[in-house]
């Protein structure tokens, strides 16, 4: 996984790690704040591979550290952000749109 994490270039540009049935596991570097978005037809999960990040929702902010994970249920407006840099694994359906539905 360290070799894969070194292949990640720009923040917010995920690299496909593995396909499992109709899902994909992606690895991404995150820096700063992404855009607020939601996925109407599927859940999305984040696992912090390295660093810390905050998953913002309209109801609550979730601060996550290396090794922690969170499930974002379908339809929940969310926005990942970090004050430094983090690497995360993202678990989602293959057809999930990066900027939401």
PDB file of N, CA and C in Angstrom:
ATOM      1  N   UNK A   1       0.816  -1.197   0.000  1.00  0.00           N
ATOM      2  CA  UNK A   1       0.000   0.000   0.000  1.00  0.00           C
ATOM      3  C   UNK A   1       0.859   1.261   0.000  1.00  0.00           C
ATOM      4  N   UNK A   2       2.043   1.200   0.604  1.00  0.00           N
ATOM      5  CA  UNK A   2       2.904   2.384   0.586  1.00  0.00           C
ATOM      6  C   UNK A   2       3.311   2.735  -0.832  1.00  0.00           C
ATOM      7  N   UNK A   3       3.589   1.717  -1.659  1.00  0.00           N
ATOM      8  CA  UNK A   3       3.955   1.977  -3.056  1.00  0.00           C
ATOM      9  C   UNK A   3       2.793   2.635  -3.784  1.00  0.00           C
ATOM     10  N   UNK A   4       1.580   2.186  -3.507  1.00  0.00           N
ATOM     11  CA  UNK A   4       0.399   2.774  -4.131  1.00  0.00           C
ATOM     12  C   UNK A   4       0.208   4.214  -3.676  1.00  0.00           C
ATOM     13  N   UNK A   5       0.391   4.470  -2.394  1.00  0.00           N
ATOM     14  CA  UNK A   5       0.197   5.834  -1.897  1.00  0.00           C
ATOM     15  C   UNK A   5       1.210   6.795  -2.514  1.00  0.00           C
ATOM     16  N   UNK A   6       2.377   6.302  -2.908  1.00  0.00           N
ATOM     17  CA  UNK A   6       3.361   7.160  -3.572  1.00  0.00           C
ATOM     18  C   UNK A   6       2.957   7.483  -5.010  1.00  0.00           C
ATOM     19  N   UNK A   7       2.051   6.709  -5.600  1.00  0.00           N
ATOM     20  CA  UNK A   7       1.588   6.947  -6.971  1.00  0.00           C
ATOM     21  C   UNK A   7       0.532   8.049  -7.043  1.00  0.00           C
ATOM     22  N   UNK A   8      -0.015   8.407  -5.898  1.00  0.00           N
ATOM     23  CA  UNK A   8      -1.046   9.435  -5.880  1.00  0.00           C
ATOM     24  C   UNK A   8      -0.386  10.777  -6.147  1.00  0.00           C
ATOM     25  N   UNK A   9      -0.909  11.478  -7.121  1.00  0.00           N
ATOM     26  CA  UNK A   9      -0.351  12.778  -7.473  1.00  0.00           C
ATOM     27  C   UNK A   9      -1.096  13.902  -6.794  1.00  0.00           C
ATOM     28  N   UNK A  10      -2.002  14.494  -7.531  1.00  0.00           N
ATOM     29  CA  UNK A  10      -2.758  15.654  -7.059  1.00  0.00           C
ATOM     30  C   UNK A  10      -3.752  15.263  -5.959  1.00  0.00           C
ATOM     31  N   UNK A  11      -3.951  16.161  -5.008  1.00  0.00           N
ATOM     32  CA  UNK A  11      -5.013  15.925  -4.030  1.00  0.00           C
ATOM     33  C   UNK A  11      -6.372  15.821  -4.726  1.00  0.00           C
ATOM     34  N   UNK A  12      -7.232  15.009  -4.170  1.00  0.00           N
ATOM     35  CA  UNK A  12      -8.602  14.821  -4.636  1.00  0.00           C
ATOM     36  C   UNK A  12      -8.691  14.084  -5.979  1.00  0.00           C
ATOM     37  N   UNK A  13      -7.602  13.447  -6.415  1.00  0.00           N
ATOM     38  CA  UNK A  13      -7.616  12.640  -7.641  1.00  0.00           C
ATOM     39  C   UNK A  13      -7.328  11.200  -7.225  1.00  0.00           C
ATOM     40  N   UNK A  14      -8.382  10.420  -6.947  1.00  0.00           N
ATOM     41  CA  UNK A  14      -8.182   9.073  -6.423  1.00  0.00           C
ATOM     42  C   UNK A  14      -7.591   8.104  -7.449  1.00  0.00           C
ATOM     43  N   UNK A  15      -6.913   7.091  -6.916  1.00  0.00           N
ATOM     44  CA  UNK A  15      -6.343   6.004  -7.707  1.00  0.00           C
ATOM     45  C   UNK A  15      -7.122   4.739  -7.357  1.00  0.00           C
ATOM     46  N   UNK A  16      -7.575   4.007  -8.374  1.00  0.00           N
ATOM     47  CA  UNK A  16      -8.286   2.747  -8.115  1.00  0.00           C
ATOM     48  C   UNK A  16      -7.316   1.721  -7.538  1.00  0.00           C
ATOM     49  N   UNK A  17      -7.711   1.106  -6.424  1.00  0.00           N
ATOM     50  CA  UNK A  17      -6.901   0.084  -5.773  1.00  0.00           C
ATOM     51  C   UNK A  17      -7.393  -1.300  -6.166  1.00  0.00           C
ATOM     52  N   UNK A  18      -8.732  -1.491  -6.109  1.00  0.00           N
ATOM     53  CA  UNK A  18      -9.295  -2.820  -6.334  1.00  0.00           C
ATOM     54  C   UNK A  18     -10.785  -2.708  -6.636  1.00  0.00           C
ATOM     55  N   UNK A  19     -11.251  -3.615  -7.489  1.00  0.00           N
ATOM     56  CA  UNK A  19     -12.682  -3.720  -7.767  1.00  0.00           C
ATOM     57  C   UNK A  19     -13.220  -4.964  -7.083  1.00  0.00           C
ATOM     58  N   UNK A  20     -14.365  -4.824  -6.406  1.00  0.00           N
ATOM     59  CA  UNK A  20     -15.011  -5.929  -5.708  1.00  0.00           C
ATOM     60  C   UNK A  20     -16.481  -5.907  -6.092  1.00  0.00           C
ATOM     61  N   UNK A  21     -16.895  -6.907  -6.872  1.00  0.00           N
ATOM     62  CA  UNK A  21     -18.259  -6.951  -7.380  1.00  0.00           C
ATOM     63  C   UNK A  21     -18.598  -5.626  -8.067  1.00  0.00           C
ATOM     64  N   UNK A  22     -19.601  -4.906  -7.605  1.00  0.00           N
ATOM     65  CA  UNK A  22     -19.985  -3.636  -8.228  1.00  0.00           C
ATOM     66  C   UNK A  22     -19.370  -2.426  -7.529  1.00  0.00           C
ATOM     67  N   UNK A  23     -18.375  -2.678  -6.683  1.00  0.00           N
ATOM     68  CA  UNK A  23     -17.771  -1.600  -5.900  1.00  0.00           C
ATOM     69  C   UNK A  23     -16.307  -1.408  -6.269  1.00  0.00           C
ATOM     70  N   UNK A  24     -15.783  -0.274  -5.853  1.00  0.00           N
ATOM     71  CA  UNK A  24     -14.370   0.033  -6.066  1.00  0.00           C
ATOM     72  C   UNK A  24     -13.801   0.586  -4.760  1.00  0.00           C
ATOM     73  N   UNK A  25     -12.557   0.233  -4.505  1.00  0.00           N
ATOM     74  CA  UNK A  25     -11.796   0.824  -3.406  1.00  0.00           C
ATOM     75  C   UNK A  25     -10.799   1.770  -4.057  1.00  0.00           C
ATOM     76  N   UNK A  26     -10.816   3.017  -3.619  1.00  0.00           N
ATOM     77  CA  UNK A  26      -9.924   4.040  -4.177  1.00  0.00           C
ATOM     78  C   UNK A  26      -9.053   4.600  -3.060  1.00  0.00           C
ATOM     79  N   UNK A  27      -7.873   5.068  -3.430  1.00  0.00           N
ATOM     80  CA  UNK A  27      -7.000   5.750  -2.488  1.00  0.00           C
ATOM     81  C   UNK A  27      -6.829   7.175  -2.984  1.00  0.00           C
ATOM     82  N   UNK A  28      -6.935   8.124  -2.060  1.00  0.00           N
ATOM     83  CA  UNK A  28      -6.811   9.528  -2.444  1.00  0.00           C
ATOM     84  C   UNK A  28      -6.060  10.311  -1.383  1.00  0.00           C
ATOM     85  N   UNK A  29      -5.319  11.292  -1.853  1.00  0.00           N
ATOM     86  CA  UNK A  29      -4.705  12.271  -0.958  1.00  0.00           C
ATOM     87  C   UNK A  29      -5.706  13.413  -0.831  1.00  0.00           C
ATOM     88  N   UNK A  30      -5.913  13.862   0.380  1.00  0.00           N
ATOM     89  CA  UNK A  30      -6.803  15.001   0.560  1.00  0.00           C
ATOM     90  C   UNK A  30      -6.041  16.130   1.239  1.00  0.00           C
ATOM     91  N   UNK A  31      -6.277  17.320   0.744  1.00  0.00           N
ATOM     92  CA  UNK A  31      -5.686  18.536   1.308  1.00  0.00           C
ATOM     93  C   UNK A  31      -6.726  19.635   1.208  1.00  0.00           C
ATOM     94  N   UNK A  32      -6.859  20.399   2.255  1.00  0.00           N
ATOM     95  CA  UNK A  32      -7.847  21.473   2.235  1.00  0.00           C
ATOM     96  C   UNK A  32      -9.255  20.924   2.326  1.00  0.00           C
ATOM     97  N   UNK A  33     -10.165  21.570   1.606  1.00  0.00           N
ATOM     98  CA  UNK A  33     -11.577  21.186   1.661  1.00  0.00           C
ATOM     99  C   UNK A  33     -12.081  20.828   0.275  1.00  0.00           C
ATOM    100  N   UNK A  34     -12.872  19.745   0.188  1.00  0.00           N
ATOM    101  CA  UNK A  34     -13.503  19.327  -1.055  1.00  0.00           C
ATOM    102  C   UNK A  34     -14.781  20.147  -1.232  1.00  0.00           C
ATOM    103  N   UNK A  35     -15.698  19.702  -2.059  1.00  0.00           N
ATOM    104  CA  UNK A  35     -16.977  20.395  -2.257  1.00  0.00           C
ATOM    105  C   UNK A  35     -18.070  19.657  -1.500  1.00  0.00           C
ATOM    106  N   UNK A  36     -19.088  20.377  -1.091  1.00  0.00           N
ATOM    107  CA  UNK A  36     -20.255  19.750  -0.479  1.00  0.00           C
ATOM    108  C   UNK A  36     -20.991  18.976  -1.564  1.00  0.00           C
ATOM    109  N   UNK A  37     -21.343  17.734  -1.275  1.00  0.00           N
ATOM    110  CA  UNK A  37     -22.029  16.893  -2.257  1.00  0.00           C
ATOM    111  C   UNK A  37     -22.727  15.735  -1.552  1.00  0.00           C
ATOM    112  N   UNK A  38     -23.537  15.012  -2.320  1.00  0.00           N
ATOM    113  CA  UNK A  38     -24.199  13.816  -1.786  1.00  0.00           C
ATOM    114  C   UNK A  38     -24.354  12.801  -2.902  1.00  0.00           C
ATOM    115  N   UNK A  39     -24.566  11.570  -2.498  1.00  0.00           N
ATOM    116  CA  UNK A  39     -24.783  10.478  -3.437  1.00  0.00           C
ATOM    117  C   UNK A  39     -26.172   9.907  -3.136  1.00  0.00           C
ATOM    118  N   UNK A  40     -27.101  10.120  -4.041  1.00  0.00           N
ATOM    119  CA  UNK A  40     -28.494   9.752  -3.785  1.00  0.00           C
ATOM    120  C   UNK A  40     -28.756   8.253  -3.793  1.00  0.00           C
ATOM    121  N   UNK A  41     -27.913   7.479  -4.495  1.00  0.00           N
ATOM    122  CA  UNK A  41     -28.225   6.062  -4.690  1.00  0.00           C
ATOM    123  C   UNK A  41     -27.266   5.092  -4.023  1.00  0.00           C
ATOM    124  N   UNK A  42     -26.299   5.594  -3.273  1.00  0.00           N
ATOM    125  CA  UNK A  42     -25.357   4.649  -2.657  1.00  0.00           C
ATOM    126  C   UNK A  42     -24.662   5.256  -1.445  1.00  0.00           C
ATOM    127  N   UNK A  43     -24.269   4.369  -0.545  1.00  0.00           N
ATOM    128  CA  UNK A  43     -23.465   4.762   0.603  1.00  0.00           C
ATOM    129  C   UNK A  43     -22.023   4.958   0.134  1.00  0.00           C
ATOM    130  N   UNK A  44     -21.238   5.609   0.973  1.00  0.00           N
ATOM    131  CA  UNK A  44     -19.812   5.797   0.703  1.00  0.00           C
ATOM    132  C   UNK A  44     -19.090   5.659   2.042  1.00  0.00           C
ATOM    133  N   UNK A  45     -17.957   4.962   2.040  1.00  0.00           N
ATOM    134  CA  UNK A  45     -17.193   4.786   3.275  1.00  0.00           C
ATOM    135  C   UNK A  45     -15.781   5.317   3.089  1.00  0.00           C
ATOM    136  N   UNK A  46     -15.234   5.885   4.163  1.00  0.00           N
ATOM    137  CA  UNK A  46     -13.869   6.396   4.175  1.00  0.00           C
ATOM    138  C   UNK A  46     -13.102   5.695   5.285  1.00  0.00           C
ATOM    139  N   UNK A  47     -11.879   5.262   4.985  1.00  0.00           N
ATOM    140  CA  UNK A  47     -10.961   4.706   5.968  1.00  0.00           C
ATOM    141  C   UNK A  47      -9.685   5.538   5.900  1.00  0.00           C
ATOM    142  N   UNK A  48      -9.275   6.104   7.026  1.00  0.00           N
ATOM    143  CA  UNK A  48      -8.087   6.947   7.049  1.00  0.00           C
ATOM    144  C   UNK A  48      -6.850   6.047   7.023  1.00  0.00           C
ATOM    145  N   UNK A  49      -6.095   6.133   5.946  1.00  0.00           N
ATOM    146  CA  UNK A  49      -4.884   5.348   5.771  1.00  0.00           C
ATOM    147  C   UNK A  49      -3.714   6.023   6.484  1.00  0.00           C
ATOM    148  N   UNK A  50      -3.666   7.344   6.405  1.00  0.00           N
ATOM    149  CA  UNK A  50      -2.572   8.097   7.016  1.00  0.00           C
ATOM    150  C   UNK A  50      -3.039   9.527   7.277  1.00  0.00           C
ATOM    151  N   UNK A  51      -2.767  10.034   8.457  1.00  0.00           N
ATOM    152  CA  UNK A  51      -3.115  11.415   8.769  1.00  0.00           C
ATOM    153  C   UNK A  51      -4.440  11.536   9.496  1.00  0.00           C
ATOM    154  N   UNK A  52      -5.022  12.721   9.393  1.00  0.00           N
ATOM    155  CA  UNK A  52      -6.300  13.032  10.036  1.00  0.00           C
ATOM    156  C   UNK A  52      -7.151  13.835   9.064  1.00  0.00           C
ATOM    157  N   UNK A  53      -8.457  13.628   9.127  1.00  0.00           N
ATOM    158  CA  UNK A  53      -9.351  14.479   8.349  1.00  0.00           C
ATOM    159  C   UNK A  53     -10.701  14.580   9.028  1.00  0.00           C
ATOM    160  N   UNK A  54     -11.450  15.561   8.605  1.00  0.00           N
ATOM    161  CA  UNK A  54     -12.782  15.794   9.153  1.00  0.00           C
ATOM    162  C   UNK A  54     -13.802  15.555   8.061  1.00  0.00           C
ATOM    163  N   UNK A  55     -14.811  14.770   8.381  1.00  0.00           N
ATOM    164  CA  UNK A  55     -15.937  14.609   7.465  1.00  0.00           C
ATOM    165  C   UNK A  55     -17.057  15.493   8.013  1.00  0.00           C
ATOM    166  N   UNK A  56     -17.383  16.523   7.261  1.00  0.00           N
ATOM    167  CA  UNK A  56     -18.429  17.456   7.670  1.00  0.00           C
ATOM    168  C   UNK A  56     -19.770  16.989   7.113  1.00  0.00           C
ATOM    169  N   UNK A  57     -20.805  17.051   7.932  1.00  0.00           N
ATOM    170  CA  UNK A  57     -22.177  16.927   7.459  1.00  0.00           C
ATOM    171  C   UNK A  57     -22.907  18.159   7.979  1.00  0.00           C
ATOM    172  N   UNK A  58     -24.113  18.365   7.532  1.00  0.00           N
ATOM    173  CA  UNK A  58     -24.869  19.535   8.006  1.00  0.00           C
ATOM    174  C   UNK A  58     -25.215  19.403   9.488  1.00  0.00           C
ATOM    175  N   UNK A  59     -25.282  18.167   9.995  1.00  0.00           N
ATOM    176  CA  UNK A  59     -25.652  17.933  11.387  1.00  0.00           C
ATOM    177  C   UNK A  59     -24.463  17.884  12.328  1.00  0.00           C
ATOM    178  N   UNK A  60     -23.278  17.412  11.810  1.00  0.00           N
ATOM    179  CA  UNK A  60     -22.167  17.147  12.719  1.00  0.00           C
ATOM    180  C   UNK A  60     -20.856  17.038  11.944  1.00  0.00           C
ATOM    181  N   UNK A  61     -19.749  17.328  12.614  1.00  0.00           N
ATOM    182  CA  UNK A  61     -18.420  17.085  12.058  1.00  0.00           C
ATOM    183  C   UNK A  61     -17.824  15.857  12.739  1.00  0.00           C
ATOM    184  N   UNK A  62     -17.191  14.995  11.955  1.00  0.00           N
ATOM    185  CA  UNK A  62     -16.568  13.783  12.464  1.00  0.00           C
ATOM    186  C   UNK A  62     -15.065  13.891  12.229  1.00  0.00           C
ATOM    187  N   UNK A  63     -14.278  13.917  13.302  1.00  0.00           N
ATOM    188  CA  UNK A  63     -12.830  14.005  13.204  1.00  0.00           C
ATOM    189  C   UNK A  63     -12.256  12.594  13.263  1.00  0.00           C
ATOM    190  N   UNK A  64     -11.527  12.222  12.215  1.00  0.00           N
ATOM    191  CA  UNK A  64     -11.014  10.865  12.087  1.00  0.00           C
ATOM    192  C   UNK A  64      -9.499  10.865  12.002  1.00  0.00           C
ATOM    193  N   UNK A  65      -8.883   9.842  12.607  1.00  0.00           N
ATOM    194  CA  UNK A  65      -7.435   9.678  12.598  1.00  0.00           C
ATOM    195  C   UNK A  65      -7.078   8.368  11.905  1.00  0.00           C
ATOM    196  N   UNK A  66      -5.789   8.154  11.676  1.00  0.00           N
ATOM    197  CA  UNK A  66      -5.304   6.944  11.028  1.00  0.00           C
ATOM    198  C   UNK A  66      -5.956   5.699  11.628  1.00  0.00           C
ATOM    199  N   UNK A  67      -6.492   4.854  10.741  1.00  0.00           N
ATOM    200  CA  UNK A  67      -7.114   3.604  11.161  1.00  0.00           C
ATOM    201  C   UNK A  67      -8.604   3.702  11.434  1.00  0.00           C
ATOM    202  N   UNK A  68      -9.144   4.904  11.503  1.00  0.00           N
ATOM    203  CA  UNK A  68     -10.573   5.066  11.769  1.00  0.00           C
ATOM    204  C   UNK A  68     -11.347   5.158  10.460  1.00  0.00           C
ATOM    205  N   UNK A  69     -12.624   4.779  10.530  1.00  0.00           N
ATOM    206  CA  UNK A  69     -13.448   4.822   9.326  1.00  0.00           C
ATOM    207  C   UNK A  69     -14.829   5.370   9.644  1.00  0.00           C
ATOM    208  N   UNK A  70     -15.526   5.745   8.558  1.00  0.00           N
ATOM    209  CA  UNK A  70     -16.877   6.284   8.702  1.00  0.00           C
ATOM    210  C   UNK A  70     -17.688   5.902   7.470  1.00  0.00           C
ATOM    211  N   UNK A  71     -18.959   5.638   7.694  1.00  0.00           N
ATOM    212  CA  UNK A  71     -19.902   5.355   6.614  1.00  0.00           C
ATOM    213  C   UNK A  71     -20.785   6.579   6.425  1.00  0.00           C
ATOM    214  N   UNK A  72     -20.884   7.047   5.187  1.00  0.00           N
ATOM    215  CA  UNK A  72     -21.780   8.148   4.851  1.00  0.00           C
ATOM    216  C   UNK A  72     -22.986   7.528   4.131  1.00  0.00           C
ATOM    217  N   UNK A  73     -24.140   7.498   4.778  1.00  0.00           N
ATOM    218  CA  UNK A  73     -25.315   6.901   4.126  1.00  0.00           C
ATOM    219  C   UNK A  73     -25.735   7.678   2.883  1.00  0.00           C
ATOM    220  N   UNK A  74     -26.347   6.985   1.958  1.00  0.00           N
ATOM    221  CA  UNK A  74     -26.808   7.645   0.738  1.00  0.00           C
ATOM    222  C   UNK A  74     -27.722   8.814   1.097  1.00  0.00           C
ATOM    223  N   UNK A  75     -27.609   9.866   0.297  1.00  0.00           N
ATOM    224  CA  UNK A  75     -28.453  11.036   0.486  1.00  0.00           C
ATOM    225  C   UNK A  75     -27.954  12.044   1.501  1.00  0.00           C
ATOM    226  N   UNK A  76     -26.853  11.738   2.217  1.00  0.00           N
ATOM    227  CA  UNK A  76     -26.348  12.662   3.238  1.00  0.00           C
ATOM    228  C   UNK A  76     -25.362  13.637   2.599  1.00  0.00           C
ATOM    229  N   UNK A  77     -25.658  14.923   2.724  1.00  0.00           N
ATOM    230  CA  UNK A  77     -24.771  15.962   2.230  1.00  0.00           C
ATOM    231  C   UNK A  77     -23.515  15.973   3.099  1.00  0.00           C
ATOM    232  N   UNK A  78     -22.334  15.925   2.447  1.00  0.00           N
ATOM    233  CA  UNK A  78     -21.086  15.858   3.205  1.00  0.00           C
ATOM    234  C   UNK A  78     -19.948  16.552   2.464  1.00  0.00           C
ATOM    235  N   UNK A  79     -18.887  16.822   3.221  1.00  0.00           N
ATOM    236  CA  UNK A  79     -17.719  17.502   2.663  1.00  0.00           C
ATOM    237  C   UNK A  79     -16.486  17.105   3.465  1.00  0.00           C
ATOM    238  N   UNK A  80     -15.557  16.354   2.859  1.00  0.00           N
ATOM    239  CA  UNK A  80     -14.317  16.043   3.560  1.00  0.00           C
ATOM    240  C   UNK A  80     -13.360  17.230   3.543  1.00  0.00           C
ATOM    241  N   UNK A  81     -12.584  17.365   4.623  1.00  0.00           N
ATOM    242  CA  UNK A  81     -11.576  18.427   4.664  1.00  0.00           C
ATOM    243  C   UNK A  81     -10.474  18.028   5.630  1.00  0.00           C
ATOM    244  N   UNK A  82      -9.327  18.669   5.469  1.00  0.00           N
ATOM    245  CA  UNK A  82      -8.221  18.477   6.395  1.00  0.00           C
ATOM    246  C   UNK A  82      -7.441  19.776   6.512  1.00  0.00           C
ATOM    247  N   UNK A  83      -6.828  19.978   7.662  1.00  0.00           N
ATOM    248  CA  UNK A  83      -6.001  21.160   7.866  1.00  0.00           C
ATOM    249  C   UNK A  83      -4.579  20.944   7.371  1.00  0.00           C
ATOM    250  N   UNK A  84      -4.224  19.686   7.104  1.00  0.00           N
ATOM    251  CA  UNK A  84      -2.888  19.393   6.598  1.00  0.00           C
ATOM    252  C   UNK A  84      -3.038  18.504   5.365  1.00  0.00           C
ATOM    253  N   UNK A  85      -2.580  17.285   5.447  1.00  0.00           N
ATOM    254  CA  UNK A  85      -2.704  16.335   4.347  1.00  0.00           C
ATOM    255  C   UNK A  85      -3.018  14.973   4.937  1.00  0.00           C
ATOM    256  N   UNK A  86      -3.857  14.227   4.266  1.00  0.00           N
ATOM    257  CA  UNK A  86      -4.198  12.876   4.715  1.00  0.00           C
ATOM    258  C   UNK A  86      -4.373  11.986   3.496  1.00  0.00           C
ATOM    259  N   UNK A  87      -4.256  10.694   3.714  1.00  0.00           N
ATOM    260  CA  UNK A  87      -4.527   9.710   2.668  1.00  0.00           C
ATOM    261  C   UNK A  87      -5.666   8.834   3.153  1.00  0.00           C
ATOM    262  N   UNK A  88      -6.668   8.666   2.301  1.00  0.00           N
ATOM    263  CA  UNK A  88      -7.839   7.887   2.681  1.00  0.00           C
ATOM    264  C   UNK A  88      -8.131   6.818   1.635  1.00  0.00           C
ATOM    265  N   UNK A  89      -8.763   5.756   2.097  1.00  0.00           N
ATOM    266  CA  UNK A  89      -9.352   4.768   1.207  1.00  0.00           C
ATOM    267  C   UNK A  89     -10.834   5.075   1.140  1.00  0.00           C
ATOM    268  N   UNK A  90     -11.383   5.066  -0.069  1.00  0.00           N
ATOM    269  CA  UNK A  90     -12.798   5.360  -0.289  1.00  0.00           C
ATOM    270  C   UNK A  90     -13.438   4.104  -0.876  1.00  0.00           C
ATOM    271  N   UNK A  91     -14.528   3.666  -0.289  1.00  0.00           N
ATOM    272  CA  UNK A  91     -15.259   2.488  -0.736  1.00  0.00           C
ATOM    273  C   UNK A  91     -16.600   2.951  -1.287  1.00  0.00           C
ATOM    274  N   UNK A  92     -16.850   2.685  -2.569  1.00  0.00           N
ATOM    275  CA  UNK A  92     -18.089   3.146  -3.191  1.00  0.00           C
ATOM    276  C   UNK A  92     -18.425   2.286  -4.404  1.00  0.00           C
ATOM    277  N   UNK A  93     -19.632   2.466  -4.936  1.00  0.00           N
ATOM    278  CA  UNK A  93     -20.010   1.767  -6.155  1.00  0.00           C
ATOM    279  C   UNK A  93     -19.196   2.307  -7.325  1.00  0.00           C
ATOM    280  N   UNK A  94     -18.953   1.477  -8.315  1.00  0.00           N
ATOM    281  CA  UNK A  94     -18.159   1.887  -9.476  1.00  0.00           C
ATOM    282  C   UNK A  94     -18.738   3.129 -10.153  1.00  0.00           C
ATOM    283  N   UNK A  95     -20.057   3.222 -10.219  1.00  0.00           N
ATOM    284  CA  UNK A  95     -20.679   4.330 -10.954  1.00  0.00           C
ATOM    285  C   UNK A  95     -20.857   5.600 -10.123  1.00  0.00           C
ATOM    286  N   UNK A  96     -20.366   5.614  -8.889  1.00  0.00           N
ATOM    287  CA  UNK A  96     -20.518   6.801  -8.051  1.00  0.00           C
ATOM    288  C   UNK A  96     -19.757   7.981  -8.668  1.00  0.00           C
ATOM    289  N   UNK A  97     -20.441   9.114  -8.744  1.00  0.00           N
ATOM    290  CA  UNK A  97     -19.843  10.319  -9.314  1.00  0.00           C
ATOM    291  C   UNK A  97     -19.052  11.066  -8.246  1.00  0.00           C
ATOM    292  N   UNK A  98     -17.875  11.503  -8.601  1.00  0.00           N
ATOM    293  CA  UNK A  98     -16.956  12.160  -7.669  1.00  0.00           C
ATOM    294  C   UNK A  98     -17.586  13.361  -6.976  1.00  0.00           C
ATOM    295  N   UNK A  99     -18.321  14.178  -7.720  1.00  0.00           N
ATOM    296  CA  UNK A  99     -18.894  15.390  -7.153  1.00  0.00           C
ATOM    297  C   UNK A  99     -20.348  15.231  -6.752  1.00  0.00           C
ATOM    298  N   UNK A 100     -20.816  14.000  -6.648  1.00  0.00           N
ATOM    299  CA  UNK A 100     -22.171  13.739  -6.199  1.00  0.00           C
ATOM    300  C   UNK A 100     -23.176  13.702  -7.332  1.00  0.00           C
ATOM    301  N   UNK A 101     -24.405  13.477  -6.960  1.00  0.00           N
ATOM    302  CA  UNK A 101     -25.501  13.342  -7.930  1.00  0.00           C
ATOM    303  C   UNK A 101     -26.204  14.665  -8.152  1.00  0.00           C
TER     304      UNK A 101
END
